[in-house]
Amino acid sequence: MSLLKRLFRKSGESKPALAPFTAALAPDSSFFAIGDIHGCLAQMQALLDQVTTLNAEAPIIFVGDYVDRGEDSAAVLFALFALRDDPRITCLAGNHEDMMLAFVDQPSEKGERWLRYGGMQTLASFGVGGVSMSSKGEAIAAAAEALKSAMGPDLLAWLRDLPRMTQNGNVAVVHAGADPNTPIALQGARTLSWGHRDFDTQPRQDGIWVLHGHTIMDSPVARDGRIAIDTGAYATGRLTAAYVQTGDVQFLST
């Protein structure tokens, strides 16, 4: 066979079909996960009331994106910060927390992007003004310093230390998704916070369910090893939680 024919045959070969995801949900214990809050304090409080009424003892995991777009980002952050010593509560980092911290650390380089994706509302919630989405130079640097002062060192340190993932049995809870071809414990921080191009199309082969927010859905969904719970609270008024139990997911929304 000529080299040209061998190359054409190789390029036309299809990859072996991946096995469909069939693993049953098997958390070690029942738990709640709450979707992207985005500054929606009233919805967060209402959903926490529903959650604790259903099961006051179960752990609660927040999947990140506490700030931006909604009007009460400061109040949401301080409310979650106040729960930091509650052993039932786990707060994960989302990409919007990453962008906010990048603004604090590198306002000239990172500020424009964050302000364009909802940072203006977050600044306003902390009482920081004098800046617009087109601000540069001294104005944006001053806004970053004002935000840093308004947040205080303890809240900033807490945000910087938020984990990217937690796992309960065969359920991994992350912000945005995971690389289906990489063991869950070896996922990179950017993938967990921003997602992966193959996450929605390739089934995992290790039996790990991935529960996430980040991508707005009309309704929460649990299928093919993925549980999606971001229902766009800042735009729809619906903040969603998943109550994950052995073999079952129950959704609650505001």
C-alpha atoms as a PDB file:
ATOM      1  CA  MET A   1       0.000   0.000   0.000  1.00  0.00           C
ATOM      2  CA  SER A   2       1.381   3.401  -0.961  1.00  0.00           C
ATOM      3  CA  LEU A   3       2.192   5.987   1.674  1.00  0.00           C
ATOM      4  CA  LEU A   4      -0.561   8.240   0.326  1.00  0.00           C
ATOM      5  CA  LYS A   5      -3.188   5.482   0.665  1.00  0.00           C
ATOM      6  CA  ARG A   6      -2.041   4.672   4.187  1.00  0.00           C
ATOM      7  CA  LEU A   7      -2.334   8.325   5.204  1.00  0.00           C
ATOM      8  CA  PHE A   8      -5.845   8.604   3.728  1.00  0.00           C
ATOM      9  CA  ARG A   9      -6.929   5.419   5.497  1.00  0.00           C
ATOM     10  CA  LYS A  10      -5.544   6.662   8.812  1.00  0.00           C
ATOM     11  CA  SER A  11      -7.218  10.058   8.503  1.00  0.00           C
ATOM     12  CA  GLY A  12     -10.567   8.441   7.722  1.00  0.00           C
ATOM     13  CA  GLU A  13     -10.535   6.042  10.616  1.00  0.00           C
ATOM     14  CA  SER A  14     -13.063   6.877  13.315  1.00  0.00           C
ATOM     15  CA  LYS A  15     -12.316   6.773  17.020  1.00  0.00           C
ATOM     16  CA  PRO A  16     -13.783   3.885  18.994  1.00  0.00           C
ATOM     17  CA  ALA A  17     -17.250   4.726  20.308  1.00  0.00           C
ATOM     18  CA  LEU A  18     -17.315   5.642  23.971  1.00  0.00           C
ATOM     19  CA  ALA A  19     -19.560   3.687  26.283  1.00  0.00           C
ATOM     20  CA  PRO A  20     -22.632   5.636  27.411  1.00  0.00           C
ATOM     21  CA  PHE A  21     -22.711   6.872  30.984  1.00  0.00           C
ATOM     22  CA  THR A  22     -24.737   4.427  33.067  1.00  0.00           C
ATOM     23  CA  ALA A  23     -23.485   4.838  36.647  1.00  0.00           C
ATOM     24  CA  ALA A  24     -26.144   5.327  39.309  1.00  0.00           C
ATOM     25  CA  LEU A  25     -25.940   8.310  41.614  1.00  0.00           C
ATOM     26  CA  ALA A  26     -24.142   7.126  44.717  1.00  0.00           C
ATOM     27  CA  PRO A  27     -23.205   9.923  47.121  1.00  0.00           C
ATOM     28  CA  ASP A  28     -21.789   8.843  50.447  1.00  0.00           C
ATOM     29  CA  SER A  29     -24.489  10.971  52.067  1.00  0.00           C
ATOM     30  CA  SER A  30     -27.324  13.205  50.914  1.00  0.00           C
ATOM     31  CA  PHE A  31     -26.400  16.835  50.222  1.00  0.00           C
ATOM     32  CA  PHE A  32     -27.609  20.061  48.627  1.00  0.00           C
ATOM     33  CA  ALA A  33     -25.881  22.095  45.928  1.00  0.00           C
ATOM     34  CA  ILE A  34     -26.969  25.669  45.191  1.00  0.00           C
ATOM     35  CA  GLY A  35     -26.444  27.282  41.800  1.00  0.00           C
ATOM     36  CA  ASP A  36     -24.950  30.590  40.681  1.00  0.00           C
ATOM     37  CA  ILE A  37     -26.223  33.388  42.950  1.00  0.00           C
ATOM     38  CA  HIS A  38     -24.827  36.431  41.101  1.00  0.00           C
ATOM     39  CA  GLY A  39     -25.730  38.998  43.724  1.00  0.00           C
ATOM     40  CA  CYS A  40     -29.307  37.771  44.264  1.00  0.00           C
ATOM     41  CA  LEU A  41     -29.515  37.951  48.048  1.00  0.00           C
ATOM     42  CA  ALA A  42     -33.287  37.571  48.405  1.00  0.00           C
ATOM     43  CA  GLN A  43     -33.322  34.426  46.273  1.00  0.00           C
ATOM     44  CA  MET A  44     -30.395  32.968  48.215  1.00  0.00           C
ATOM     45  CA  GLN A  45     -32.155  33.521  51.537  1.00  0.00           C
ATOM     46  CA  ALA A  46     -35.441  32.105  50.232  1.00  0.00           C
ATOM     47  CA  LEU A  47     -33.746  29.010  48.835  1.00  0.00           C
ATOM     48  CA  LEU A  48     -31.812  28.410  52.050  1.00  0.00           C
ATOM     49  CA  ASP A  49     -35.143  28.455  53.890  1.00  0.00           C
ATOM     50  CA  GLN A  50     -36.461  25.745  51.547  1.00  0.00           C
ATOM     51  CA  VAL A  51     -33.311  23.687  51.905  1.00  0.00           C
ATOM     52  CA  THR A  52     -33.234  23.740  55.682  1.00  0.00           C
ATOM     53  CA  THR A  53     -36.949  22.952  55.861  1.00  0.00           C
ATOM     54  CA  LEU A  54     -36.398  19.846  53.733  1.00  0.00           C
ATOM     55  CA  ASN A  55     -33.289  18.653  55.580  1.00  0.00           C
ATOM     56  CA  ALA A  56     -31.639  20.815  58.216  1.00  0.00           C
ATOM     57  CA  GLU A  57     -28.701  18.440  58.680  1.00  0.00           C
ATOM     58  CA  ALA A  58     -27.528  17.844  55.110  1.00  0.00           C
ATOM     59  CA  PRO A  59     -24.371  19.568  53.841  1.00  0.00           C
ATOM     60  CA  ILE A  60     -24.836  22.532  51.497  1.00  0.00           C
ATOM     61  CA  ILE A  61     -22.444  23.271  48.656  1.00  0.00           C
ATOM     62  CA  PHE A  62     -22.473  26.588  46.805  1.00  0.00           C
ATOM     63  CA  VAL A  63     -21.057  26.205  43.291  1.00  0.00           C
ATOM     64  CA  GLY A  64     -19.576  29.702  42.899  1.00  0.00           C
ATOM     65  CA  ASP A  65     -20.372  32.930  41.043  1.00  0.00           C
ATOM     66  CA  TYR A  66     -21.632  34.822  44.065  1.00  0.00           C
ATOM     67  CA  VAL A  67     -20.925  38.240  42.530  1.00  0.00           C
ATOM     68  CA  ASP A  68     -21.675  40.342  39.426  1.00  0.00           C
ATOM     69  CA  ARG A  69     -24.809  41.098  37.411  1.00  0.00           C
ATOM     70  CA  GLY A  70     -27.199  41.108  40.382  1.00  0.00           C
ATOM     71  CA  GLU A  71     -27.495  44.084  42.710  1.00  0.00           C
ATOM     72  CA  ASP A  72     -26.479  42.627  46.096  1.00  0.00           C
ATOM     73  CA  SER A  73     -23.064  41.044  45.553  1.00  0.00           C
ATOM     74  CA  ALA A  74     -21.534  42.610  48.669  1.00  0.00           C
ATOM     75  CA  ALA A  75     -24.355  41.368  50.898  1.00  0.00           C
ATOM     76  CA  VAL A  76     -24.167  37.875  49.369  1.00  0.00           C
ATOM     77  CA  LEU A  77     -20.413  37.666  49.986  1.00  0.00           C
ATOM     78  CA  PHE A  78     -20.647  38.854  53.573  1.00  0.00           C
ATOM     79  CA  ALA A  79     -23.545  36.463  54.258  1.00  0.00           C
ATOM     80  CA  LEU A  80     -21.558  33.494  52.936  1.00  0.00           C
ATOM     81  CA  PHE A  81     -18.421  34.663  54.736  1.00  0.00           C
ATOM     82  CA  ALA A  82     -20.397  34.646  57.988  1.00  0.00           C
ATOM     83  CA  LEU A  83     -21.090  30.920  57.411  1.00  0.00           C
ATOM     84  CA  ARG A  84     -17.423  30.005  56.939  1.00  0.00           C
ATOM     85  CA  ASP A  85     -17.167  28.102  60.241  1.00  0.00           C
ATOM     86  CA  ASP A  86     -20.361  26.097  59.707  1.00  0.00           C
ATOM     87  CA  PRO A  87     -19.186  22.520  58.966  1.00  0.00           C
ATOM     88  CA  ARG A  88     -22.214  21.914  56.736  1.00  0.00           C
ATOM     89  CA  ILE A  89     -21.272  24.723  54.321  1.00  0.00           C
ATOM     90  CA  THR A  90     -18.814  24.526  51.430  1.00  0.00           C
ATOM     91  CA  CYS A  91     -18.325  27.457  49.063  1.00  0.00           C
ATOM     92  CA  LEU A  92     -16.545  26.815  45.768  1.00  0.00           C
ATOM     93  CA  ALA A  93     -14.811  29.419  43.617  1.00  0.00           C
ATOM     94  CA  GLY A  94     -16.402  30.452  40.331  1.00  0.00           C
ATOM     95  CA  ASN A  95     -14.979  32.278  37.345  1.00  0.00           C
ATOM     96  CA  HIS A  96     -16.592  35.550  38.456  1.00  0.00           C
ATOM     97  CA  GLU A  97     -14.726  35.402  41.762  1.00  0.00           C
ATOM     98  CA  ASP A  98     -11.566  34.812  39.727  1.00  0.00           C
ATOM     99  CA  MET A  99     -12.276  37.887  37.586  1.00  0.00           C
ATOM    100  CA  MET A 100     -12.999  40.042  40.629  1.00  0.00           C
ATOM    101  CA  LEU A 101      -9.767  39.018  42.337  1.00  0.00           C
ATOM    102  CA  ALA A 102      -7.851  39.631  39.104  1.00  0.00           C
ATOM    103  CA  PHE A 103      -9.349  43.137  39.062  1.00  0.00           C
ATOM    104  CA  VAL A 104      -8.145  43.756  42.608  1.00  0.00           C
ATOM    105  CA  ASP A 105      -4.650  42.497  41.787  1.00  0.00           C
ATOM    106  CA  GLN A 106      -4.208  43.791  38.227  1.00  0.00           C
ATOM    107  CA  PRO A 107      -6.813  46.466  37.510  1.00  0.00           C
ATOM    108  CA  SER A 108      -5.149  47.915  34.427  1.00  0.00           C
ATOM    109  CA  GLU A 109      -4.693  44.520  32.754  1.00  0.00           C
ATOM    110  CA  LYS A 110      -7.797  42.685  33.976  1.00  0.00           C
ATOM    111  CA  GLY A 111     -10.304  45.382  34.860  1.00  0.00           C
ATOM    112  CA  GLU A 112     -12.000  45.960  31.518  1.00  0.00           C
ATOM    113  CA  ARG A 113     -13.062  42.354  31.162  1.00  0.00           C
ATOM    114  CA  TRP A 114     -14.520  42.101  34.651  1.00  0.00           C
ATOM    115  CA  LEU A 115     -16.433  45.366  34.384  1.00  0.00           C
ATOM    116  CA  ARG A 116     -17.921  44.174  31.103  1.00  0.00           C
ATOM    117  CA  TYR A 117     -19.147  40.921  32.696  1.00  0.00           C
ATOM    118  CA  GLY A 118     -20.983  42.394  35.652  1.00  0.00           C
ATOM    119  CA  GLY A 119     -18.298  44.000  37.757  1.00  0.00           C
ATOM    120  CA  MET A 120     -20.008  47.395  37.632  1.00  0.00           C
ATOM    121  CA  GLN A 121     -22.898  46.049  39.714  1.00  0.00           C
ATOM    122  CA  THR A 122     -20.473  44.520  42.206  1.00  0.00           C
ATOM    123  CA  LEU A 123     -18.581  47.787  42.628  1.00  0.00           C
ATOM    124  CA  ALA A 124     -21.863  49.626  43.204  1.00  0.00           C
ATOM    125  CA  SER A 125     -22.902  47.086  45.853  1.00  0.00           C
ATOM    126  CA  PHE A 126     -19.684  47.885  47.756  1.00  0.00           C
ATOM    127  CA  GLY A 127     -20.290  51.635  47.392  1.00  0.00           C
ATOM    128  CA  VAL A 128     -17.475  52.107  44.872  1.00  0.00           C
ATOM    129  CA  GLY A 129     -18.158  54.691  42.182  1.00  0.00           C
ATOM    130  CA  GLY A 130     -16.219  56.967  39.862  1.00  0.00           C
ATOM    131  CA  VAL A 131     -15.611  54.294  37.243  1.00  0.00           C
ATOM    132  CA  SER A 132     -17.235  53.116  34.029  1.00  0.00           C
ATOM    133  CA  MET A 133     -16.690  50.206  31.654  1.00  0.00           C
ATOM    134  CA  SER A 134     -14.387  52.419  29.609  1.00  0.00           C
ATOM    135  CA  SER A 135     -12.301  53.644  32.557  1.00  0.00           C
ATOM    136  CA  LYS A 136      -8.557  53.192  32.431  1.00  0.00           C
ATOM    137  CA  GLY A 137      -5.418  54.304  34.228  1.00  0.00           C
ATOM    138  CA  GLU A 138      -5.774  56.092  37.546  1.00  0.00           C
ATOM    139  CA  ALA A 139      -9.575  55.784  37.667  1.00  0.00           C
ATOM    140  CA  ILE A 140      -9.622  52.015  37.426  1.00  0.00           C
ATOM    141  CA  ALA A 141      -6.681  51.659  39.816  1.00  0.00           C
ATOM    142  CA  ALA A 142      -8.488  53.843  42.360  1.00  0.00           C
ATOM    143  CA  ALA A 143     -11.626  51.714  42.015  1.00  0.00           C
ATOM    144  CA  ALA A 144      -9.611  48.557  42.665  1.00  0.00           C
ATOM    145  CA  GLU A 145      -8.119  50.055  45.799  1.00  0.00           C
ATOM    146  CA  ALA A 146     -11.530  51.193  46.990  1.00  0.00           C
ATOM    147  CA  LEU A 147     -12.976  47.714  46.433  1.00  0.00           C
ATOM    148  CA  LYS A 148     -10.053  46.121  48.260  1.00  0.00           C
ATOM    149  CA  SER A 149     -10.625  48.433  51.220  1.00  0.00           C
ATOM    150  CA  ALA A 150     -14.406  47.843  51.241  1.00  0.00           C
ATOM    151  CA  MET A 151     -13.984  44.078  51.187  1.00  0.00           C
ATOM    152  CA  GLY A 152     -11.340  43.983  53.888  1.00  0.00           C
ATOM    153  CA  PRO A 153      -8.439  41.553  54.231  1.00  0.00           C
ATOM    154  CA  ASP A 154     -10.393  38.721  55.865  1.00  0.00           C
ATOM    155  CA  LEU A 155     -13.018  38.487  53.112  1.00  0.00           C
ATOM    156  CA  LEU A 156     -10.324  38.721  50.427  1.00  0.00           C
ATOM    157  CA  ALA A 157      -8.256  35.962  52.059  1.00  0.00           C
ATOM    158  CA  TRP A 158     -11.349  33.751  52.303  1.00  0.00           C
ATOM    159  CA  LEU A 159     -12.140  34.246  48.621  1.00  0.00           C
ATOM    160  CA  ARG A 160      -8.582  33.452  47.570  1.00  0.00           C
ATOM    161  CA  ASP A 161      -8.694  30.166  49.480  1.00  0.00           C
ATOM    162  CA  LEU A 162     -12.012  28.848  48.146  1.00  0.00           C
ATOM    163  CA  PRO A 163     -11.706  25.314  46.749  1.00  0.00           C
ATOM    164  CA  ARG A 164     -12.468  24.460  43.108  1.00  0.00           C
ATOM    165  CA  MET A 165     -14.121  21.111  43.689  1.00  0.00           C
ATOM    166  CA  THR A 166     -15.568  18.842  46.320  1.00  0.00           C
ATOM    167  CA  GLN A 167     -16.616  15.218  45.980  1.00  0.00           C
ATOM    168  CA  ASN A 168     -19.249  13.152  47.750  1.00  0.00           C
ATOM    169  CA  GLY A 169     -19.199   9.507  46.727  1.00  0.00           C
ATOM    170  CA  ASN A 170     -19.317   9.387  42.934  1.00  0.00           C
ATOM    171  CA  VAL A 171     -20.585  12.980  42.635  1.00  0.00           C
ATOM    172  CA  ALA A 172     -18.055  15.740  41.969  1.00  0.00           C
ATOM    173  CA  VAL A 173     -19.336  19.283  42.506  1.00  0.00           C
ATOM    174  CA  VAL A 174     -17.556  22.005  40.517  1.00  0.00           C
ATOM    175  CA  HIS A 175     -18.368  25.404  39.120  1.00  0.00           C
ATOM    176  CA  ALA A 176     -18.291  25.005  35.349  1.00  0.00           C
ATOM    177  CA  GLY A 177     -17.547  21.441  34.275  1.00  0.00           C
ATOM    178  CA  ALA A 178     -14.679  19.018  33.839  1.00  0.00           C
ATOM    179  CA  ASP A 179     -12.492  17.432  31.176  1.00  0.00           C
ATOM    180  CA  PRO A 180     -14.128  14.026  30.538  1.00  0.00           C
ATOM    181  CA  ASN A 181     -10.773  12.529  29.569  1.00  0.00           C
ATOM    182  CA  THR A 182      -8.960  13.492  32.777  1.00  0.00           C
ATOM    183  CA  PRO A 183      -9.371  11.896  36.233  1.00  0.00           C
ATOM    184  CA  ILE A 184     -11.539  14.115  38.375  1.00  0.00           C
ATOM    185  CA  ALA A 185      -8.797  14.625  40.970  1.00  0.00           C
ATOM    186  CA  LEU A 186      -6.400  15.919  38.295  1.00  0.00           C
ATOM    187  CA  GLN A 187      -8.610  18.621  36.774  1.00  0.00           C
ATOM    188  CA  GLY A 188      -7.011  22.015  36.263  1.00  0.00           C
ATOM    189  CA  ALA A 189      -8.324  25.131  38.003  1.00  0.00           C
ATOM    190  CA  ARG A 190      -9.211  26.875  34.742  1.00  0.00           C
ATOM    191  CA  THR A 191     -11.211  23.871  33.520  1.00  0.00           C
ATOM    192  CA  LEU A 192     -13.190  23.677  36.751  1.00  0.00           C
ATOM    193  CA  SER A 193     -13.943  27.412  36.704  1.00  0.00           C
ATOM    194  CA  TRP A 194     -14.499  27.995  32.971  1.00  0.00           C
ATOM    195  CA  GLY A 195     -15.479  24.571  31.631  1.00  0.00           C
ATOM    196  CA  HIS A 196     -14.131  22.269  28.910  1.00  0.00           C
ATOM    197  CA  ARG A 197     -15.069  21.994  25.249  1.00  0.00           C
ATOM    198  CA  ASP A 198     -15.793  18.250  25.492  1.00  0.00           C
ATOM    199  CA  PHE A 199     -17.716  18.330  28.755  1.00  0.00           C
ATOM    200  CA  ASP A 200     -21.205  18.331  27.218  1.00  0.00           C
ATOM    201  CA  THR A 201     -20.480  15.908  24.392  1.00  0.00           C
ATOM    202  CA  GLN A 202     -18.279  13.126  25.755  1.00  0.00           C
ATOM    203  CA  PRO A 203     -19.466  10.803  28.531  1.00  0.00           C
ATOM    204  CA  ARG A 204     -17.081  10.145  31.367  1.00  0.00           C
ATOM    205  CA  GLN A 205     -15.835   6.585  31.535  1.00  0.00           C
ATOM    206  CA  ASP A 206     -15.110   6.502  35.271  1.00  0.00           C
ATOM    207  CA  GLY A 207     -18.652   6.601  36.680  1.00  0.00           C
ATOM    208  CA  ILE A 208     -18.239  10.076  38.217  1.00  0.00           C
ATOM    209  CA  TRP A 209     -21.242  12.385  38.041  1.00  0.00           C
ATOM    210  CA  VAL A 210     -20.369  16.089  37.655  1.00  0.00           C
ATOM    211  CA  LEU A 211     -22.715  18.628  39.242  1.00  0.00           C
ATOM    212  CA  HIS A 212     -22.142  22.194  38.061  1.00  0.00           C
ATOM    213  CA  GLY A 213     -23.431  25.700  37.477  1.00  0.00           C
ATOM    214  CA  HIS A 214     -21.966  28.318  35.074  1.00  0.00           C
ATOM    215  CA  THR A 215     -24.087  27.479  32.029  1.00  0.00           C
ATOM    216  CA  ILE A 216     -27.604  28.900  32.216  1.00  0.00           C
ATOM    217  CA  MET A 217     -30.357  26.357  31.612  1.00  0.00           C
ATOM    218  CA  ASP A 218     -34.074  26.911  31.140  1.00  0.00           C
ATOM    219  CA  SER A 219     -34.579  24.224  33.787  1.00  0.00           C
ATOM    220  CA  PRO A 220     -32.166  22.169  35.894  1.00  0.00           C
ATOM    221  CA  VAL A 221     -31.136  18.899  34.284  1.00  0.00           C
ATOM    222  CA  ALA A 222     -29.723  15.574  35.508  1.00  0.00           C
ATOM    223  CA  ARG A 223     -28.708  13.181  32.744  1.00  0.00           C
ATOM    224  CA  ASP A 224     -25.728  11.389  31.212  1.00  0.00           C
ATOM    225  CA  GLY A 225     -23.589  11.900  34.300  1.00  0.00           C
ATOM    226  CA  ARG A 226     -24.133  15.675  34.447  1.00  0.00           C
ATOM    227  CA  ILE A 227     -26.298  17.734  36.796  1.00  0.00           C
ATOM    228  CA  ALA A 228     -26.728  21.376  35.710  1.00  0.00           C
ATOM    229  CA  ILE A 229     -28.287  23.823  38.187  1.00  0.00           C
ATOM    230  CA  ASP A 230     -27.633  27.386  36.931  1.00  0.00           C
ATOM    231  CA  THR A 231     -31.044  28.839  36.052  1.00  0.00           C
ATOM    232  CA  GLY A 232     -29.887  32.448  35.647  1.00  0.00           C
ATOM    233  CA  ALA A 233     -31.137  33.903  38.928  1.00  0.00           C
ATOM    234  CA  TYR A 234     -30.052  37.460  38.094  1.00  0.00           C
ATOM    235  CA  ALA A 235     -32.165  37.421  34.894  1.00  0.00           C
ATOM    236  CA  THR A 236     -34.988  35.005  35.728  1.00  0.00           C
ATOM    237  CA  GLY A 237     -35.401  35.349  39.482  1.00  0.00           C
ATOM    238  CA  ARG A 238     -35.016  31.549  39.757  1.00  0.00           C
ATOM    239  CA  LEU A 239     -32.193  30.281  41.915  1.00  0.00           C
ATOM    240  CA  THR A 240     -32.004  26.489  41.947  1.00  0.00           C
ATOM    241  CA  ALA A 241     -30.712  23.867  44.360  1.00  0.00           C
ATOM    242  CA  ALA A 242     -30.213  20.152  43.803  1.00  0.00           C
ATOM    243  CA  TYR A 243     -30.906  17.724  46.625  1.00  0.00           C
ATOM    244  CA  VAL A 244     -28.708  14.753  45.772  1.00  0.00           C
ATOM    245  CA  GLN A 245     -29.504  11.386  47.326  1.00  0.00           C
ATOM    246  CA  THR A 246     -28.683   7.809  46.448  1.00  0.00           C
ATOM    247  CA  GLY A 247     -30.159   7.205  43.007  1.00  0.00           C
ATOM    248  CA  ASP A 248     -32.127  10.452  42.900  1.00  0.00           C
ATOM    249  CA  VAL A 249     -31.941  14.244  42.426  1.00  0.00           C
ATOM    250  CA  GLN A 250     -34.681  16.581  43.600  1.00  0.00           C
ATOM    251  CA  PHE A 251     -34.643  20.213  42.398  1.00  0.00           C
ATOM    252  CA  LEU A 252     -35.838  23.205  44.399  1.00  0.00           C
ATOM    253  CA  SER A 253     -36.145  26.723  42.967  1.00  0.00           C
ATOM    254  CA  THR A 254     -37.209  30.174  44.101  1.00  0.00           C
END
